[in-house]
Amino acid sequence: MKHYCMQLVVPYFCCLLFFMHTQAQSIAQKNTTPMYDKGEGSLRNEYFMPTSGTIMFYDVISKKLIATAEAKQDGIFNVKLPRNSRLYFEIKSGNRLYKFDGEDYELYTSSDGEPLQLLRLDFVLNPRYLKEGSSGDNKGEGNIVLNKVHFDPGSANLRPESYEDLGIVVDLLKNNPDIRIEIQGHTDNQGNPQKNMQLSQDRANAVKNYLIKKGIDSSRIDAVGYGDTQPVAANDTEANRQKNRRIEYKIIR
C-alpha cells in the first residue's frame, strides 16, 4: 500500500515542481521583457508647415540615445518609447540641429503599472532651440507659398479651400506674437500688367483682412502686390502660369 501511494505522490510532486518552475520562468521573462508606449505625432517647421526630420530621444539621467523616429515630408512619424522614462530630445531637419534638453522640455512616458499608452507627440522647430554651431540662420528668412489659397477667377474673392493654409498662418502669428509677416500677391503675365498689379494687391489685401478677422493685429501684417514681376516658372503653359498665380508670405520680424 505504501509503495502504491509513493507511486502516486512522486509524479504529483514532479508535476508540481515543473509547474512552479514554468511559472517562475514566465514571471522572470515578464519582468525582464521591456514594455513600450507607442508614440505618433507630427513635425512642423518654424512656419508651422509639415517638414521632414529625425527625432532622437535621450534618457535625461544617462544621456544615452533611447530611440529615433523619422518624419517624412508630410511630417508624420511613429516611435516606440520605453515605459517609465524621462526623456529629452534633439531634432535634425535639413542641415539644422535643434536641441530640447531636460531644462527646456522633458517627456514622461507612463509607469510600468499602468496600461500601455498611445502618446501624441507634436513638435514645432522654433529657431530659439537651434543648437550652437548648427548651420543655417534663425531669422526665418525665405518665402512660403500657400498652395491651397485660391480665389475666384479674375477677382480677390477667397475660396473656402483657402482657409486651411490661412489657419496655419493664424496659428503661426498667435504662437509667435513678436513676429511680423509680409503677404505677397503674384499673377501670371496674361492681360494688362497694370491690372495684374492691382489684382495681386487686392488679393494680398484679402488675405490680410482674413487674418485680421481671425484676431491678428493689422500692424503685424504687410500686404504687397507684385503683379507678374516675380514669376517662379515660364509663362509658356497653363500649368506654369498657375504656379505664378500664387500667394506667399515671409517673416520680416
Protein backbone atom coordinates (compact mmCIF):
# COMPACT_ATOMS: atom_id res chain seq x y z
CA MET A 1 0.00 0.00 0.00
CA LYS A 2 2.81 2.40 0.92
CA HIS A 3 4.57 1.54 -2.29
CA TYR A 4 1.38 2.26 -4.22
CA CYS A 5 0.94 5.68 -2.52
CA MET A 6 4.53 6.59 -3.32
CA GLN A 7 3.83 5.78 -6.95
CA LEU A 8 1.02 8.33 -6.87
CA VAL A 9 2.76 11.03 -4.84
CA VAL A 10 6.07 11.18 -6.71
CA PRO A 11 4.53 12.04 -10.11
CA TYR A 12 2.32 14.59 -8.38
CA PHE A 13 5.29 16.42 -6.85
CA CYS A 14 7.20 16.20 -10.11
CA CYS A 15 4.28 17.87 -11.89
CA LEU A 16 4.02 20.48 -9.14
CA LEU A 17 7.74 21.30 -9.34
CA PHE A 18 7.55 21.54 -13.13
CA PHE A 19 4.54 23.87 -12.88
CA MET A 20 6.28 26.11 -10.32
CA HIS A 21 9.42 26.24 -12.45
CA THR A 22 7.40 27.14 -15.54
CA GLN A 23 5.56 29.90 -13.66
CA ALA A 24 8.82 31.26 -12.28
CA GLN A 25 10.28 31.39 -15.76
CA SER A 26 7.16 33.14 -17.05
CA ILE A 27 7.28 35.74 -14.29
CA ALA A 28 11.00 36.30 -14.77
CA GLN A 29 10.52 36.68 -18.50
CA LYS A 30 7.65 39.10 -17.95
CA ASN A 31 9.76 41.18 -15.58
CA THR A 32 12.70 41.37 -17.97
CA THR A 33 10.75 41.95 -21.18
CA PRO A 34 10.85 45.70 -21.94
CA MET A 35 7.49 47.42 -22.22
CA TYR A 36 6.86 50.34 -24.53
CA ASP A 37 4.49 53.19 -25.07
CA LYS A 38 3.56 53.75 -28.69
CA GLY A 39 4.06 57.29 -29.92
CA GLU A 40 2.77 59.02 -33.00
CA GLY A 41 2.98 62.64 -33.95
CA SER A 42 3.97 65.38 -36.34
CA LEU A 43 6.93 67.62 -37.08
CA ARG A 44 6.46 71.21 -38.29
CA ASN A 45 8.98 73.91 -39.13
CA GLU A 46 9.01 77.45 -37.74
CA TYR A 47 6.32 78.42 -40.25
CA PHE A 48 4.05 75.64 -38.89
CA MET A 49 4.35 73.77 -42.20
CA PRO A 50 4.94 69.96 -42.21
CA THR A 51 8.61 69.07 -42.59
CA SER A 52 10.87 66.02 -42.58
CA GLY A 53 13.48 65.24 -39.97
CA THR A 54 14.96 62.81 -37.45
CA ILE A 55 13.77 62.93 -33.83
CA MET A 56 16.29 61.49 -31.34
CA PHE A 57 15.11 60.63 -27.81
CA TYR A 58 17.66 60.59 -24.95
CA ASP A 59 17.44 59.47 -21.33
CA VAL A 60 17.57 62.51 -19.02
CA ILE A 61 19.88 60.79 -16.49
CA SER A 62 22.22 58.64 -18.57
CA LYS A 63 22.15 60.91 -21.67
CA LYS A 64 22.03 57.74 -23.77
CA LEU A 65 20.12 57.57 -27.06
CA ILE A 66 16.96 55.55 -26.41
CA ALA A 67 15.03 55.73 -29.69
CA THR A 68 14.82 57.53 -33.02
CA ALA A 69 11.90 58.39 -35.28
CA GLU A 70 11.83 59.52 -38.91
CA ALA A 71 9.33 62.15 -40.01
CA LYS A 72 8.69 62.14 -43.76
CA GLN A 73 7.75 65.08 -45.97
CA ASP A 74 4.23 65.14 -44.53
CA GLY A 75 5.75 65.50 -41.04
CA ILE A 76 4.17 62.29 -39.70
CA PHE A 77 6.19 59.81 -37.62
CA ASN A 78 5.79 56.81 -35.29
CA VAL A 79 8.04 55.66 -32.43
CA LYS A 80 8.18 53.19 -29.52
CA LEU A 81 9.43 54.59 -26.20
CA PRO A 82 10.32 52.57 -23.07
CA ARG A 83 7.91 52.69 -20.15
CA ASN A 84 8.60 54.71 -17.02
CA SER A 85 11.10 57.02 -18.73
CA ARG A 86 12.14 60.66 -18.52
CA LEU A 87 13.39 61.74 -21.91
CA TYR A 88 14.59 64.81 -23.75
CA PHE A 89 15.12 65.05 -27.47
CA GLU A 90 17.08 66.53 -30.34
CA ILE A 91 15.73 67.01 -33.85
CA LYS A 92 17.73 67.17 -37.06
CA SER A 93 15.92 68.72 -40.01
CA GLY A 94 17.80 69.58 -43.17
CA ASN A 95 21.17 70.96 -42.11
CA ARG A 96 19.90 72.25 -38.78
CA LEU A 97 20.05 70.61 -35.36
CA TYR A 98 17.55 71.61 -32.67
CA LYS A 99 18.20 70.66 -29.05
CA PHE A 100 15.41 70.47 -26.47
CA ASP A 101 17.25 69.45 -23.31
CA GLY A 102 15.80 68.45 -19.95
CA GLU A 103 15.76 72.04 -18.71
CA ASP A 104 13.60 73.16 -21.62
CA TYR A 105 11.47 70.10 -22.21
CA GLU A 106 11.04 66.66 -20.68
CA LEU A 107 8.88 63.83 -21.95
CA TYR A 108 7.43 61.45 -19.36
CA THR A 109 6.17 58.06 -20.50
CA SER A 110 3.63 56.12 -18.43
CA SER A 111 4.70 53.98 -15.46
CA ASP A 112 5.02 50.19 -15.70
CA GLY A 113 1.93 49.62 -13.58
CA GLU A 114 -0.39 51.42 -15.97
CA PRO A 115 -1.97 50.19 -19.19
CA LEU A 116 0.01 50.77 -22.36
CA GLN A 117 -0.43 54.33 -23.56
CA LEU A 118 -0.55 55.93 -27.01
CA LEU A 119 1.47 59.13 -26.79
CA ARG A 120 0.70 62.10 -29.05
CA LEU A 121 3.92 63.97 -29.86
CA ASP A 122 3.72 67.16 -31.92
CA PHE A 123 6.90 69.20 -32.38
CA VAL A 124 7.47 72.69 -33.81
CA LEU A 125 11.02 73.70 -34.73
CA ASN A 126 11.32 77.08 -33.05
CA PRO A 127 14.58 78.82 -34.09
CA ARG A 128 15.46 79.63 -30.47
CA TYR A 129 16.24 75.93 -29.96
CA LEU A 130 18.86 75.83 -32.71
CA LYS A 131 21.94 74.14 -31.27
CA GLU A 132 25.07 76.31 -31.24
CA GLY A 133 27.17 75.63 -34.33
CA SER A 134 24.21 74.36 -36.36
CA SER A 135 24.41 75.62 -39.93
CA GLY A 136 21.76 77.96 -41.22
CA ASP A 137 20.33 81.11 -39.65
CA ASN A 138 17.35 81.54 -37.37
CA LYS A 139 15.89 84.69 -38.86
CA GLY A 140 13.06 82.89 -40.60
CA GLU A 141 14.05 84.30 -43.99
CA GLY A 142 12.56 82.90 -47.17
CA ASN A 143 9.13 82.84 -48.76
CA ILE A 144 6.48 80.23 -48.07
CA VAL A 145 3.98 79.52 -50.84
CA LEU A 146 0.40 78.97 -49.65
CA ASN A 147 -0.50 76.37 -52.24
CA LYS A 148 -4.11 75.94 -51.10
CA VAL A 149 -5.03 79.64 -51.14
CA HIS A 150 -7.27 80.21 -54.17
CA PHE A 151 -9.54 82.98 -55.49
CA ASP A 152 -12.43 83.19 -57.90
CA PRO A 153 -11.08 83.81 -61.44
CA GLY A 154 -10.08 87.42 -62.03
CA SER A 155 -11.14 88.52 -58.53
CA ALA A 156 -9.89 88.82 -54.95
CA ASN A 157 -12.71 86.71 -53.50
CA LEU A 158 -11.16 84.00 -51.31
CA ARG A 159 -12.46 80.49 -51.91
CA PRO A 160 -13.32 78.26 -48.88
CA GLU A 161 -10.48 75.80 -49.59
CA SER A 162 -8.09 78.63 -48.71
CA TYR A 163 -8.96 78.53 -45.03
CA GLU A 164 -6.79 75.51 -44.19
CA ASP A 165 -3.49 77.15 -45.19
CA LEU A 166 -4.58 80.51 -43.79
CA GLY A 167 -5.35 78.79 -40.49
CA ILE A 168 -1.71 77.69 -40.33
CA VAL A 169 -0.62 81.34 -40.73
CA VAL A 170 -3.03 82.39 -37.98
CA ASP A 171 -1.52 79.77 -35.64
CA LEU A 172 1.98 80.92 -36.53
CA LEU A 173 1.20 84.52 -35.62
CA LYS A 174 -0.71 83.69 -32.45
CA ASN A 175 2.04 81.38 -31.19
CA ASN A 176 4.81 83.85 -32.05
CA PRO A 177 3.48 87.29 -31.04
CA ASP A 178 6.82 89.02 -31.68
CA ILE A 179 6.98 88.44 -35.44
CA ARG A 180 5.63 90.33 -38.45
CA ILE A 181 4.95 88.98 -41.92
CA GLU A 182 4.58 90.25 -45.46
CA ILE A 183 1.77 88.79 -47.56
CA GLN A 184 2.71 88.79 -51.25
CA GLY A 185 0.33 88.54 -54.19
CA HIS A 186 1.57 87.34 -57.61
CA THR A 187 -0.05 86.81 -61.00
CA ASP A 188 0.92 85.36 -64.39
CA ASN A 189 1.69 87.64 -67.35
CA GLN A 190 -1.66 87.30 -69.12
CA GLY A 191 -3.52 90.54 -69.69
CA ASN A 192 -2.68 94.13 -68.78
CA PRO A 193 0.34 94.47 -66.45
CA GLN A 194 -1.24 97.35 -64.50
CA LYS A 195 -4.42 95.35 -63.93
CA ASN A 196 -2.34 92.36 -62.86
CA MET A 197 -0.51 94.56 -60.36
CA GLN A 198 -3.81 95.81 -58.91
CA LEU A 199 -5.27 92.28 -58.79
CA SER A 200 -2.22 90.96 -56.92
CA GLN A 201 -2.50 93.83 -54.42
CA ASP A 202 -6.23 93.22 -53.92
CA ARG A 203 -5.59 89.52 -53.29
CA ALA A 204 -2.81 90.26 -50.79
CA ASN A 205 -5.19 92.67 -49.03
CA ALA A 206 -7.90 90.00 -48.95
CA VAL A 207 -5.56 87.61 -47.16
CA LYS A 208 -4.51 90.34 -44.72
CA ASN A 209 -8.15 91.15 -43.95
CA TYR A 210 -8.88 87.47 -43.31
CA LEU A 211 -6.02 87.27 -40.79
CA ILE A 212 -7.23 90.44 -39.07
CA LYS A 213 -10.72 88.94 -38.73
CA LYS A 214 -9.09 85.94 -37.01
CA GLY A 215 -7.62 88.19 -34.32
CA ILE A 216 -4.23 89.21 -35.74
CA ASP A 217 -3.26 92.88 -35.26
CA SER A 218 -3.05 94.70 -38.59
CA SER A 219 0.31 96.26 -37.61
CA ARG A 220 1.90 92.81 -37.84
CA ILE A 221 0.92 92.25 -41.48
CA ASP A 222 2.14 93.98 -44.62
CA ALA A 223 0.32 93.26 -47.88
CA VAL A 224 2.17 93.82 -51.16
CA GLY A 225 1.15 93.04 -54.74
CA TYR A 226 3.93 92.19 -57.18
CA GLY A 227 1.82 91.52 -60.26
CA ASP A 228 3.71 89.45 -62.83
CA THR A 229 7.17 90.81 -61.94
CA GLN A 230 8.38 87.78 -59.92
CA PRO A 231 7.49 84.60 -61.83
CA VAL A 232 8.67 81.24 -60.49
CA ALA A 233 8.11 79.48 -63.84
CA ALA A 234 7.97 80.38 -67.51
CA ASN A 235 4.55 81.63 -68.57
CA ASP A 236 4.51 79.26 -71.54
CA THR A 237 1.92 76.69 -70.36
CA GLU A 238 -1.22 76.81 -68.26
CA ALA A 239 0.46 74.64 -65.60
CA ASN A 240 3.35 77.10 -65.32
CA ARG A 241 1.05 80.12 -65.30
CA GLN A 242 -0.85 78.52 -62.45
CA LYS A 243 2.40 78.31 -60.46
CA ASN A 244 2.89 82.05 -60.97
CA ARG A 245 -0.63 82.86 -59.72
CA ARG A 246 0.11 82.48 -56.05
CA ILE A 247 0.07 83.91 -52.54
CA GLU A 248 3.28 83.79 -50.49
CA TYR A 249 4.37 85.12 -47.14
CA LYS A 250 7.68 85.76 -45.45
CA ILE A 251 8.66 86.64 -41.90
CA ILE A 252 10.11 90.14 -41.73
CA ARG A 253 10.33 90.43 -37.91
